[in-house]
């Protein structure tokens, strides 16, 4: 249970920081356009001559991806714009419908010499032989990509677990959680932030870096307090990927793409400046991660509910409200922020000056049970899962296995 609890804490500390930063800077940017203005000033002097620049990443990936799929999206979209735009000189509803139904996959031709008609033939990439539509091809490629990603991450976790048990875990835990000697102790977190930047830059993926750290936190090798600056560093390091992509764009579009990359960088820098230097602010994402870890360890089903709520429902809700009505969006954000601040203030008062509060505010018992506890939802979930033995086995508590006991032993400094 402790191993699972620590892993969830390590996996969600990054989420807590990002959501807190969004909660602060999204309304601020919405009303002031601060980041947009600053990024615009930074790239305002950027002038490039027209022309195309080489995308060096594609030099590595194209030999592999072109064997799987090739697309011709620029040509098709140009024709759709030409024939479907009512203000265009070539506006034609028949041609518009034809090009809207045209596949985005590259088509190869043979013939065409001496005025003969070109004949469409199949190209030499894998999906040209399947006969699937663009929709099904894209869906299948997405599934394959997700399976490969999850398989690689699972293999990475298993490899780290096998490598970092025993005395290796004890020694690594001893040194990586140590602080710099006095009077430089306060610089320890910033040093690990730089390490996070460097490793993320080398890996070109903050997801891979944080996914590597998560099992180490679960093993007890890295503490959640040490992982926090590492993930903040990875937030900065991952902006280099966006910058490289911006530099690989055409010269005409480069100022705009670089400005977007700079916006990404400024958002992360401002978030770090707000939530790391001051210990009281640093406490918020760490406390959020610990709460999520404790809750998920007690209610296994909460992990799935958290993913659906935070990464699917909330973004769709905010996007829908922003598109529907600006006033409604502002009112909703204001109420949400007011609710969050009220909960935080009351929680702090309950902890520090409980005796000064009215009796009914000294605990959360004044709220209905579904608003202050997950027990009602747990009863519903467990009632449903009793009909599914395999689901019940996963979602309910299980006795510790031999592997769990070994992990706990070395996590606590055993030998």
Foldseek 3Di string as FASTA:
>chain_A
DLLLLLLLLLVCLLVLLVVVLCLPVVVVCVPPVVLLVVLCVVLVPPADDFDAFAQVVCVVCVVPVVQAFAFQQVVLVVQLCQQPDPPHPNPDPVSNVVSVQDARTDWDWDDCPPNDDIDTDFDNHDVSPPPDGNVVSVVVVVVVVVVVVVVVLVVLLVVCLVVCFDPNLLVLLVPLADADDPPCRLCRLVVLLCVLLVVCLVVLDLVSVSSNVSSSSSLLSDPSVNSNSSSLSNQQNNLVNQCSVLVNGTSVCNSVSNSVSSSSNVSSVVSCVQQPPDPVSVVRSSVVSSVSSVVCVQWVCVVVVCCCVPVPVVVVVLVVQVVPDVVSSVVVSVVVVVVVVVVVVLVVCLVPPLVPDPPPSNDPVVDPDVVPDCVVVSVVVCVVCVVPVVVCVRGHDDDDDPSNVSSVQVSVPHD
